Amino acid sequence: MPNNTHLQPKPAAKPAARPPRPVKHSDFSEEYMNHVVSITLINGTVIRGMLTEARKFWLKVIVDGKVHYINKAHVVEVTPS
């Protein structure tokens, strides 16, 4: 029967987490962040509003006080207004 009275070493403390890196997309979305833009969709619809956030696949645009999430796959053009 093994003797389990030996103290086990405590696991090492986890290193402090790094602060998150700023996200930089290859679509230049950081250049028009927090600006009023016109977004043309593949069906010809033009949405004009404040671009507040950009993720890998989505744009968050505020139009007349309402939040719109736009899938980037449907975007043809983004132009500053």
C-alpha atoms as a PDB file:
ATOM      1  CA  MET A   1       0.000   0.000   0.000  1.00  0.00           C
ATOM      2  CA  PRO A   2       1.570   3.327  -1.025  1.00  0.00           C
ATOM      3  CA  ASN A   3       2.225   5.961   1.563  1.00  0.00           C
ATOM      4  CA  ASN A   4       0.227   9.066   0.533  1.00  0.00           C
ATOM      5  CA  THR A   5       1.382  11.185   3.423  1.00  0.00           C
ATOM      6  CA  HIS A   6       3.985  12.986   1.318  1.00  0.00           C
ATOM      7  CA  LEU A   7       3.031  16.531   0.522  1.00  0.00           C
ATOM      8  CA  GLN A   8       2.532  17.227  -3.125  1.00  0.00           C
ATOM      9  CA  PRO A   9       4.138  20.381  -4.565  1.00  0.00           C
ATOM     10  CA  LYS A  10       1.702  23.147  -5.309  1.00  0.00           C
ATOM     11  CA  PRO A  11       1.138  23.826  -8.981  1.00  0.00           C
ATOM     12  CA  ALA A  12       2.912  26.907 -10.284  1.00  0.00           C
ATOM     13  CA  ALA A  13       0.835  30.056 -10.398  1.00  0.00           C
ATOM     14  CA  LYS A  14      -0.399  31.015 -13.840  1.00  0.00           C
ATOM     15  CA  PRO A  15       1.421  33.955 -15.379  1.00  0.00           C
ATOM     16  CA  ALA A  16      -0.508  37.208 -15.581  1.00  0.00           C
ATOM     17  CA  ALA A  17      -2.644  37.441 -18.710  1.00  0.00           C
ATOM     18  CA  ARG A  18      -1.492  39.785 -21.435  1.00  0.00           C
ATOM     19  CA  PRO A  19      -3.686  42.758 -22.241  1.00  0.00           C
ATOM     20  CA  PRO A  20      -5.694  42.201 -25.431  1.00  0.00           C
ATOM     21  CA  ARG A  21      -4.052  43.404 -28.612  1.00  0.00           C
ATOM     22  CA  PRO A  22      -5.916  45.907 -30.741  1.00  0.00           C
ATOM     23  CA  VAL A  23      -7.675  44.128 -33.587  1.00  0.00           C
ATOM     24  CA  LYS A  24      -6.423  45.129 -37.000  1.00  0.00           C
ATOM     25  CA  HIS A  25      -8.399  43.851 -39.968  1.00  0.00           C
ATOM     26  CA  SER A  26      -7.111  43.524 -43.492  1.00  0.00           C
ATOM     27  CA  ASP A  27     -10.174  45.379 -44.792  1.00  0.00           C
ATOM     28  CA  PHE A  28      -9.020  48.845 -43.561  1.00  0.00           C
ATOM     29  CA  SER A  29     -12.048  49.070 -41.254  1.00  0.00           C
ATOM     30  CA  GLU A  30      -9.957  50.831 -38.579  1.00  0.00           C
ATOM     31  CA  GLU A  31      -9.504  53.744 -41.016  1.00  0.00           C
ATOM     32  CA  TYR A  32     -13.215  54.557 -41.126  1.00  0.00           C
ATOM     33  CA  MET A  33     -14.086  53.566 -37.558  1.00  0.00           C
ATOM     34  CA  ASN A  34     -16.263  56.156 -35.750  1.00  0.00           C
ATOM     35  CA  HIS A  35     -16.941  58.008 -39.005  1.00  0.00           C
ATOM     36  CA  VAL A  36     -20.159  58.426 -40.952  1.00  0.00           C
ATOM     37  CA  VAL A  37     -19.984  56.065 -43.934  1.00  0.00           C
ATOM     38  CA  SER A  38     -22.151  54.929 -46.819  1.00  0.00           C
ATOM     39  CA  ILE A  39     -22.270  51.147 -47.198  1.00  0.00           C
ATOM     40  CA  THR A  40     -23.444  49.700 -50.514  1.00  0.00           C
ATOM     41  CA  LEU A  41     -24.807  46.152 -50.322  1.00  0.00           C
ATOM     42  CA  ILE A  42     -24.890  43.538 -53.102  1.00  0.00           C
ATOM     43  CA  ASN A  43     -28.607  44.165 -53.704  1.00  0.00           C
ATOM     44  CA  GLY A  44     -27.936  47.892 -54.330  1.00  0.00           C
ATOM     45  CA  THR A  45     -29.196  49.143 -50.961  1.00  0.00           C
ATOM     46  CA  VAL A  46     -27.154  52.000 -49.522  1.00  0.00           C
ATOM     47  CA  ILE A  47     -26.961  52.356 -45.748  1.00  0.00           C
ATOM     48  CA  ARG A  48     -25.614  55.607 -44.328  1.00  0.00           C
ATOM     49  CA  GLY A  49     -24.623  55.778 -40.676  1.00  0.00           C
ATOM     50  CA  MET A  50     -21.898  55.844 -38.039  1.00  0.00           C
ATOM     51  CA  LEU A  51     -19.606  52.811 -38.171  1.00  0.00           C
ATOM     52  CA  THR A  52     -18.948  52.027 -34.517  1.00  0.00           C
ATOM     53  CA  GLU A  53     -17.388  48.580 -34.586  1.00  0.00           C
ATOM     54  CA  ALA A  54     -15.935  46.083 -37.055  1.00  0.00           C
ATOM     55  CA  ARG A  55     -15.371  42.403 -36.455  1.00  0.00           C
ATOM     56  CA  LYS A  56     -14.039  39.689 -38.710  1.00  0.00           C
ATOM     57  CA  PHE A  57     -17.402  39.093 -40.390  1.00  0.00           C
ATOM     58  CA  TRP A  58     -19.679  41.912 -39.165  1.00  0.00           C
ATOM     59  CA  LEU A  59     -19.992  45.706 -39.169  1.00  0.00           C
ATOM     60  CA  LYS A  60     -21.946  47.551 -36.477  1.00  0.00           C
ATOM     61  CA  VAL A  61     -23.555  50.701 -37.859  1.00  0.00           C
ATOM     62  CA  ILE A  62     -25.813  53.167 -36.081  1.00  0.00           C
ATOM     63  CA  VAL A  63     -28.481  54.592 -38.398  1.00  0.00           C
ATOM     64  CA  ASP A  64     -30.920  57.150 -36.955  1.00  0.00           C
ATOM     65  CA  GLY A  65     -30.238  55.918 -33.413  1.00  0.00           C
ATOM     66  CA  LYS A  66     -30.843  52.251 -34.283  1.00  0.00           C
ATOM     67  CA  VAL A  67     -28.104  49.618 -34.316  1.00  0.00           C
ATOM     68  CA  HIS A  68     -27.644  47.574 -37.507  1.00  0.00           C
ATOM     69  CA  TYR A  69     -25.323  44.585 -37.842  1.00  0.00           C
ATOM     70  CA  ILE A  70     -24.207  44.033 -41.429  1.00  0.00           C
ATOM     71  CA  ASN A  71     -22.534  40.865 -42.658  1.00  0.00           C
ATOM     72  CA  LYS A  72     -19.387  41.831 -44.596  1.00  0.00           C
ATOM     73  CA  ALA A  73     -20.097  39.151 -47.199  1.00  0.00           C
ATOM     74  CA  HIS A  74     -23.002  41.351 -48.423  1.00  0.00           C
ATOM     75  CA  VAL A  75     -20.967  44.580 -48.629  1.00  0.00           C
ATOM     76  CA  VAL A  76     -19.791  45.825 -52.016  1.00  0.00           C
ATOM     77  CA  GLU A  77     -18.385  49.212 -51.020  1.00  0.00           C
ATOM     78  CA  VAL A  78     -17.782  51.389 -47.970  1.00  0.00           C
ATOM     79  CA  THR A  79     -17.181  55.082 -48.601  1.00  0.00           C
ATOM     80  CA  PRO A  80     -16.704  57.898 -46.102  1.00  0.00           C
ATOM     81  CA  SER A  81     -19.525  60.444 -46.198  1.00  0.00           C
END
